[in-house]
PDB file of N, CA and C in Angstrom:
ATOM      1  N   MET A   1     105.232 104.788  76.996  1.00  0.00           N
ATOM      2  CA  MET A   1     104.958 104.249  78.321  1.00  0.00           C
ATOM      3  C   MET A   1     105.137 102.728  78.277  1.00  0.00           C
ATOM      4  N   LYS A   2     106.056 102.227  79.025  1.00  0.00           N
ATOM      5  CA  LYS A   2     106.346 100.802  79.038  1.00  0.00           C
ATOM      6  C   LYS A   2     105.378 100.095  79.987  1.00  0.00           C
ATOM      7  N   ARG A   3     104.771  98.993  79.499  1.00  0.00           N
ATOM      8  CA  ARG A   3     103.762  98.293  80.291  1.00  0.00           C
ATOM      9  C   ARG A   3     104.272  97.013  80.925  1.00  0.00           C
ATOM     10  N   ASN A   4     105.351  96.437  80.404  1.00  0.00           N
ATOM     11  CA  ASN A   4     105.906  95.185  80.936  1.00  0.00           C
ATOM     12  C   ASN A   4     104.856  94.089  81.034  1.00  0.00           C
ATOM     13  N   ILE A   5     104.211  93.795  79.931  1.00  0.00           N
ATOM     14  CA  ILE A   5     103.185  92.749  79.896  1.00  0.00           C
ATOM     15  C   ILE A   5     103.857  91.390  79.774  1.00  0.00           C
ATOM     16  N   GLN A   6     103.370  90.435  80.567  1.00  0.00           N
ATOM     17  CA  GLN A   6     103.852  89.071  80.507  1.00  0.00           C
ATOM     18  C   GLN A   6     102.689  88.132  80.254  1.00  0.00           C
ATOM     19  N   CYS A   7     102.964  87.040  79.551  1.00  0.00           N
ATOM     20  CA  CYS A   7     101.958  86.005  79.347  1.00  0.00           C
ATOM     21  C   CYS A   7     101.673  85.346  80.694  1.00  0.00           C
ATOM     22  N   ASN A   8     100.413  85.286  81.071  1.00  0.00           N
ATOM     23  CA  ASN A   8     100.046  84.677  82.346  1.00  0.00           C
ATOM     24  C   ASN A   8     100.261  83.171  82.373  1.00  0.00           C
ATOM     25  N   ALA A   9     100.326  82.521  81.204  1.00  0.00           N
ATOM     26  CA  ALA A   9     100.484  81.061  81.170  1.00  0.00           C
ATOM     27  C   ALA A   9     101.952  80.645  81.247  1.00  0.00           C
ATOM     28  N   CYS A  10     102.793  81.221  80.400  1.00  0.00           N
ATOM     29  CA  CYS A  10     104.201  80.790  80.357  1.00  0.00           C
ATOM     30  C   CYS A  10     105.158  81.779  81.017  1.00  0.00           C
ATOM     31  N   GLY A  11     104.694  82.999  81.290  1.00  0.00           N
ATOM     32  CA  GLY A  11     105.528  83.992  81.959  1.00  0.00           C
ATOM     33  C   GLY A  11     106.437  84.793  81.046  1.00  0.00           C
ATOM     34  N   ARG A  12     106.412  84.500  79.754  1.00  0.00           N
ATOM     35  CA  ARG A  12     107.292  85.198  78.817  1.00  0.00           C
ATOM     36  C   ARG A  12     106.899  86.669  78.700  1.00  0.00           C
ATOM     37  N   LYS A  13     107.903  87.547  78.703  1.00  0.00           N
ATOM     38  CA  LYS A  13     107.644  88.974  78.511  1.00  0.00           C
ATOM     39  C   LYS A  13     107.273  89.219  77.055  1.00  0.00           C
ATOM     40  N   ILE A  14     106.266  90.045  76.840  1.00  0.00           N
ATOM     41  CA  ILE A  14     105.810  90.386  75.505  1.00  0.00           C
ATOM     42  C   ILE A  14     106.699  91.504  74.960  1.00  0.00           C
ATOM     43  N   LYS A  15     107.195  91.331  73.744  1.00  0.00           N
ATOM     44  CA  LYS A  15     108.109  92.307  73.142  1.00  0.00           C
ATOM     45  C   LYS A  15     107.438  93.659  72.978  1.00  0.00           C
ATOM     46  N   GLU A  16     108.190  94.686  73.369  1.00  0.00           N
ATOM     47  CA  GLU A  16     107.667  96.051  73.308  1.00  0.00           C
ATOM     48  C   GLU A  16     108.792  97.003  72.924  1.00  0.00           C
ATOM     49  N   GLU A  17     108.489  97.946  72.065  1.00  0.00           N
ATOM     50  CA  GLU A  17     109.442  98.982  71.655  1.00  0.00           C
ATOM     51  C   GLU A  17     108.743 100.325  71.633  1.00  0.00           C
ATOM     52  N   ASN A  18     109.338 101.280  72.273  1.00  0.00           N
ATOM     53  CA  ASN A  18     108.802 102.650  72.282  1.00  0.00           C
ATOM     54  C   ASN A  18     107.322 102.688  72.667  1.00  0.00           C
ATOM     55  N   GLY A  19     106.936 101.871  73.627  1.00  0.00           N
ATOM     56  CA  GLY A  19     105.562 101.873  74.110  1.00  0.00           C
ATOM     57  C   GLY A  19     104.579 101.107  73.255  1.00  0.00           C
ATOM     58  N   LEU A  20     105.061 100.444  72.188  1.00  0.00           N
ATOM     59  CA  LEU A  20     104.180  99.680  71.303  1.00  0.00           C
ATOM     60  C   LEU A  20     104.512  98.197  71.397  1.00  0.00           C
ATOM     61  N   LEU A  21     103.483  97.374  71.490  1.00  0.00           N
ATOM     62  CA  LEU A  21     103.704  95.934  71.491  1.00  0.00           C
ATOM     63  C   LEU A  21     104.207  95.510  70.118  1.00  0.00           C
ATOM     64  N   ARG A  22     105.218  94.655  70.072  1.00  0.00           N
ATOM     65  CA  ARG A  22     105.793  94.194  68.816  1.00  0.00           C
ATOM     66  C   ARG A  22     105.275  92.820  68.424  1.00  0.00           C
ATOM     67  N   GLU A  23     104.312  92.317  69.171  1.00  0.00           N
ATOM     68  CA  GLU A  23     103.628  91.071  68.845  1.00  0.00           C
ATOM     69  C   GLU A  23     102.220  91.171  69.409  1.00  0.00           C
ATOM     70  N   ASP A  24     101.328  90.386  68.861  1.00  0.00           N
ATOM     71  CA  ASP A  24      99.944  90.456  69.306  1.00  0.00           C
ATOM     72  C   ASP A  24      99.731  89.517  70.491  1.00  0.00           C
ATOM     73  N   ILE A  25      98.786  89.853  71.333  1.00  0.00           N
ATOM     74  CA  ILE A  25      98.461  89.051  72.514  1.00  0.00           C
ATOM     75  C   ILE A  25      96.951  88.915  72.622  1.00  0.00           C
ATOM     76  N   PHE A  26      96.526  87.943  73.416  1.00  0.00           N
ATOM     77  CA  PHE A  26      95.120  87.809  73.758  1.00  0.00           C
ATOM     78  C   PHE A  26      94.943  88.419  75.145  1.00  0.00           C
ATOM     79  N   GLU A  27      93.979  89.336  75.275  1.00  0.00           N
ATOM     80  CA  GLU A  27      93.664  89.903  76.576  1.00  0.00           C
ATOM     81  C   GLU A  27      92.293  89.395  76.994  1.00  0.00           C
ATOM     82  N   GLY A  28      92.256  88.704  78.094  1.00  0.00           N
ATOM     83  CA  GLY A  28      90.987  88.238  78.649  1.00  0.00           C
ATOM     84  C   GLY A  28      90.609  89.114  79.831  1.00  0.00           C
ATOM     85  N   LYS A  29      89.361  89.544  79.857  1.00  0.00           N
ATOM     86  CA  LYS A  29      88.888  90.366  80.971  1.00  0.00           C
ATOM     87  C   LYS A  29      87.464  89.955  81.299  1.00  0.00           C
ATOM     88  N   LYS A  30      87.212  89.710  82.560  1.00  0.00           N
ATOM     89  CA  LYS A  30      85.875  89.312  83.002  1.00  0.00           C
ATOM     90  C   LYS A  30      85.499  90.118  84.235  1.00  0.00           C
ATOM     91  N   GLU A  31      84.384  90.838  84.136  1.00  0.00           N
ATOM     92  CA  GLU A  31      83.812  91.536  85.286  1.00  0.00           C
ATOM     93  C   GLU A  31      82.695  90.657  85.828  1.00  0.00           C
ATOM     94  N   TRP A  32      82.944  90.043  86.958  1.00  0.00           N
ATOM     95  CA  TRP A  32      81.994  89.105  87.545  1.00  0.00           C
ATOM     96  C   TRP A  32      80.830  89.849  88.178  1.00  0.00           C
ATOM     97  N   GLY A  33      79.653  89.320  87.989  1.00  0.00           N
ATOM     98  CA  GLY A  33      78.450  89.923  88.555  1.00  0.00           C
ATOM     99  C   GLY A  33      77.890  89.070  89.673  1.00  0.00           C
ATOM    100  N   TYR A  34      76.681  89.368  90.022  1.00  0.00           N
ATOM    101  CA  TYR A  34      76.004  88.613  91.070  1.00  0.00           C
ATOM    102  C   TYR A  34      75.747  87.185  90.604  1.00  0.00           C
ATOM    103  N   PHE A  35      75.480  86.321  91.532  1.00  0.00           N
ATOM    104  CA  PHE A  35      75.164  84.917  91.287  1.00  0.00           C
ATOM    105  C   PHE A  35      76.388  84.129  90.797  1.00  0.00           C
ATOM    106  N   SER A  36      77.576  84.605  91.133  1.00  0.00           N
ATOM    107  CA  SER A  36      78.793  83.844  90.852  1.00  0.00           C
ATOM    108  C   SER A  36      79.595  83.754  92.153  1.00  0.00           C
ATOM    109  N   ARG A  37      80.593  82.897  92.143  1.00  0.00           N
ATOM    110  CA  ARG A  37      81.467  82.795  93.322  1.00  0.00           C
ATOM    111  C   ARG A  37      82.430  83.978  93.404  1.00  0.00           C
ATOM    112  N   ASN A  38      82.452  84.807  92.371  1.00  0.00           N
ATOM    113  CA  ASN A  38      83.399  85.926  92.290  1.00  0.00           C
ATOM    114  C   ASN A  38      82.690  87.273  92.210  1.00  0.00           C
ATOM    115  N   ASP A  39      81.588  87.401  92.911  1.00  0.00           N
ATOM    116  CA  ASP A  39      80.795  88.631  92.854  1.00  0.00           C
ATOM    117  C   ASP A  39      81.665  89.885  92.923  1.00  0.00           C
ATOM    118  N   LEU A  40      81.468  90.766  91.934  1.00  0.00           N
ATOM    119  CA  LEU A  40      82.064  92.098  91.874  1.00  0.00           C
ATOM    120  C   LEU A  40      83.587  92.100  91.813  1.00  0.00           C
ATOM    121  N   LYS A  41      84.175  91.028  91.318  1.00  0.00           N
ATOM    122  CA  LYS A  41      85.618  90.970  91.079  1.00  0.00           C
ATOM    123  C   LYS A  41      85.865  91.189  89.580  1.00  0.00           C
ATOM    124  N   VAL A  42      87.042  91.672  89.247  1.00  0.00           N
ATOM    125  CA  VAL A  42      87.438  91.854  87.845  1.00  0.00           C
ATOM    126  C   VAL A  42      88.734  91.094  87.625  1.00  0.00           C
ATOM    127  N   ASP A  43      88.720  90.124  86.725  1.00  0.00           N
ATOM    128  CA  ASP A  43      89.900  89.341  86.382  1.00  0.00           C
ATOM    129  C   ASP A  43      90.403  89.773  85.013  1.00  0.00           C
ATOM    130  N   THR A  44      91.730  89.958  84.882  1.00  0.00           N
ATOM    131  CA  THR A  44      92.363  90.294  83.612  1.00  0.00           C
ATOM    132  C   THR A  44      93.583  89.414  83.443  1.00  0.00           C
ATOM    133  N   PHE A  45      93.786  88.896  82.228  1.00  0.00           N
ATOM    134  CA  PHE A  45      94.993  88.112  81.965  1.00  0.00           C
ATOM    135  C   PHE A  45      95.396  88.261  80.509  1.00  0.00           C
ATOM    136  N   TYR A  46      96.656  87.926  80.230  1.00  0.00           N
ATOM    137  CA  TYR A  46      97.211  88.019  78.889  1.00  0.00           C
ATOM    138  C   TYR A  46      97.799  86.671  78.489  1.00  0.00           C
ATOM    139  N   LEU A  47      97.648  86.323  77.219  1.00  0.00           N
ATOM    140  CA  LEU A  47      98.253  85.113  76.681  1.00  0.00           C
ATOM    141  C   LEU A  47      99.020  85.465  75.419  1.00  0.00           C
ATOM    142  N   CYS A  48     100.249  84.940  75.299  1.00  0.00           N
ATOM    143  CA  CYS A  48     100.976  85.072  74.036  1.00  0.00           C
ATOM    144  C   CYS A  48     100.272  84.180  73.013  1.00  0.00           C
ATOM    145  N   GLU A  49     100.613  84.341  71.761  1.00  0.00           N
ATOM    146  CA  GLU A  49      99.917  83.603  70.715  1.00  0.00           C
ATOM    147  C   GLU A  49     100.112  82.090  70.853  1.00  0.00           C
ATOM    148  N   ASP A  50     101.309  81.653  71.248  1.00  0.00           N
ATOM    149  CA  ASP A  50     101.560  80.214  71.426  1.00  0.00           C
ATOM    150  C   ASP A  50     100.668  79.626  72.520  1.00  0.00           C
ATOM    151  N   CYS A  51     100.563  80.305  73.649  1.00  0.00           N
ATOM    152  CA  CYS A  51      99.737  79.805  74.761  1.00  0.00           C
ATOM    153  C   CYS A  51      98.254  79.860  74.410  1.00  0.00           C
ATOM    154  N   TYR A  52      97.846  80.878  73.667  1.00  0.00           N
ATOM    155  CA  TYR A  52      96.461  80.953  73.212  1.00  0.00           C
ATOM    156  C   TYR A  52      96.136  79.755  72.327  1.00  0.00           C
ATOM    157  N   ASP A  53      97.032  79.454  71.375  1.00  0.00           N
ATOM    158  CA  ASP A  53      96.807  78.317  70.477  1.00  0.00           C
ATOM    159  C   ASP A  53      96.718  77.002  71.252  1.00  0.00           C
ATOM    160  N   LYS A  54      97.567  76.837  72.269  1.00  0.00           N
ATOM    161  CA  LYS A  54      97.521  75.620  73.098  1.00  0.00           C
ATOM    162  C   LYS A  54      96.197  75.530  73.858  1.00  0.00           C
ATOM    163  N   LEU A  55      95.735  76.653  74.385  1.00  0.00           N
ATOM    164  CA  LEU A  55      94.491  76.679  75.146  1.00  0.00           C
ATOM    165  C   LEU A  55      93.305  76.282  74.281  1.00  0.00           C
ATOM    166  N   ILE A  56      93.161  76.928  73.129  1.00  0.00           N
ATOM    167  CA  ILE A  56      91.975  76.661  72.309  1.00  0.00           C
ATOM    168  C   ILE A  56      92.034  75.288  71.648  1.00  0.00           C
ATOM    169  N   ALA A  57      93.217  74.712  71.528  1.00  0.00           N
ATOM    170  CA  ALA A  57      93.341  73.370  70.951  1.00  0.00           C
ATOM    171  C   ALA A  57      92.643  72.331  71.827  1.00  0.00           C
ATOM    172  N   ASN A  58      92.441  72.648  73.104  1.00  0.00           N
ATOM    173  CA  ASN A  58      91.795  71.721  74.042  1.00  0.00           C
ATOM    174  C   ASN A  58      90.291  71.924  74.163  1.00  0.00           C
ATOM    175  N   PHE A  59      89.728  72.888  73.468  1.00  0.00           N
ATOM    176  CA  PHE A  59      88.290  73.138  73.540  1.00  0.00           C
ATOM    177  C   PHE A  59      87.521  72.008  72.860  1.00  0.00           C
ATOM    178  N   LEU A  60      86.445  71.575  73.461  1.00  0.00           N
ATOM    179  CA  LEU A  60      85.573  70.590  72.826  1.00  0.00           C
ATOM    180  C   LEU A  60      84.791  71.215  71.673  1.00  0.00           C
ATOM    181  N   ILE A  61      84.401  72.465  71.855  1.00  0.00           N
ATOM    182  CA  ILE A  61      83.718  73.222  70.801  1.00  0.00           C
ATOM    183  C   ILE A  61      84.706  74.276  70.321  1.00  0.00           C
ATOM    184  N   PRO A  62      85.117  74.212  69.058  1.00  0.00           N
ATOM    185  CA  PRO A  62      86.135  75.155  68.564  1.00  0.00           C
ATOM    186  C   PRO A  62      85.670  76.603  68.643  1.00  0.00           C
ATOM    187  N   VAL A  63      86.635  77.507  68.742  1.00  0.00           N
ATOM    188  CA  VAL A  63      86.300  78.930  68.712  1.00  0.00           C
ATOM    189  C   VAL A  63      85.758  79.270  67.330  1.00  0.00           C
ATOM    190  N   LYS A  64      84.891  80.257  67.291  1.00  0.00           N
ATOM    191  CA  LYS A  64      84.376  80.731  66.002  1.00  0.00           C
ATOM    192  C   LYS A  64      85.426  81.678  65.426  1.00  0.00           C
ATOM    193  N   ARG A  65      85.901  81.389  64.225  1.00  0.00           N
ATOM    194  CA  ARG A  65      86.938  82.200  63.606  1.00  0.00           C
ATOM    195  C   ARG A  65      86.461  82.671  62.243  1.00  0.00           C
ATOM    196  N   GLU A  66      86.665  83.962  61.997  1.00  0.00           N
ATOM    197  CA  GLU A  66      86.290  84.564  60.714  1.00  0.00           C
ATOM    198  C   GLU A  66      87.513  85.279  60.151  1.00  0.00           C
ATOM    199  N   ASP A  67      87.592  85.365  58.850  1.00  0.00           N
ATOM    200  CA  ASP A  67      88.647  86.141  58.202  1.00  0.00           C
ATOM    201  C   ASP A  67      88.175  87.579  58.028  1.00  0.00           C
ATOM    202  N   LYS A  68      89.063  88.516  58.317  1.00  0.00           N
ATOM    203  CA  LYS A  68      88.772  89.922  58.074  1.00  0.00           C
ATOM    204  C   LYS A  68      89.321  90.302  56.715  1.00  0.00           C
ATOM    205  N   LEU A  69      88.605  91.152  56.024  1.00  0.00           N
ATOM    206  CA  LEU A  69      89.054  91.591  54.716  1.00  0.00           C
ATOM    207  C   LEU A  69      89.818  92.894  54.774  1.00  0.00           C
ATOM    208  N   GLU A  70      89.626  93.660  55.867  1.00  0.00           N
ATOM    209  CA  GLU A  70      90.336  94.919  56.000  1.00  0.00           C
ATOM    210  C   GLU A  70      90.503  95.257  57.471  1.00  0.00           C
ATOM    211  N   VAL A  71      91.487  96.047  57.761  1.00  0.00           N
ATOM    212  CA  VAL A  71      91.740  96.503  59.118  1.00  0.00           C
ATOM    213  C   VAL A  71      91.429  97.982  59.176  1.00  0.00           C
ATOM    214  N   LEU A  72      90.552  98.351  60.094  1.00  0.00           N
ATOM    215  CA  LEU A  72      90.175  99.765  60.209  1.00  0.00           C
ATOM    216  C   LEU A  72      90.956 100.439  61.295  1.00  0.00           C
TER     217      LEU A  72
END
């Protein structure tokens, strides 16, 4: 099943073969609740690895990053 995922920041199509992504992406999803300007909305977006790296490079507080020893 082809999904045609594009990076929301740069617009580049994410490589896909036989229904499998051929590169990793960041998927952001937020279900807004009460007491926000976006009550009961759901936002979803995708970032390619380059755009993700550019985004987090601008954070004042760095993301918490850990090394994994195995993939399950």
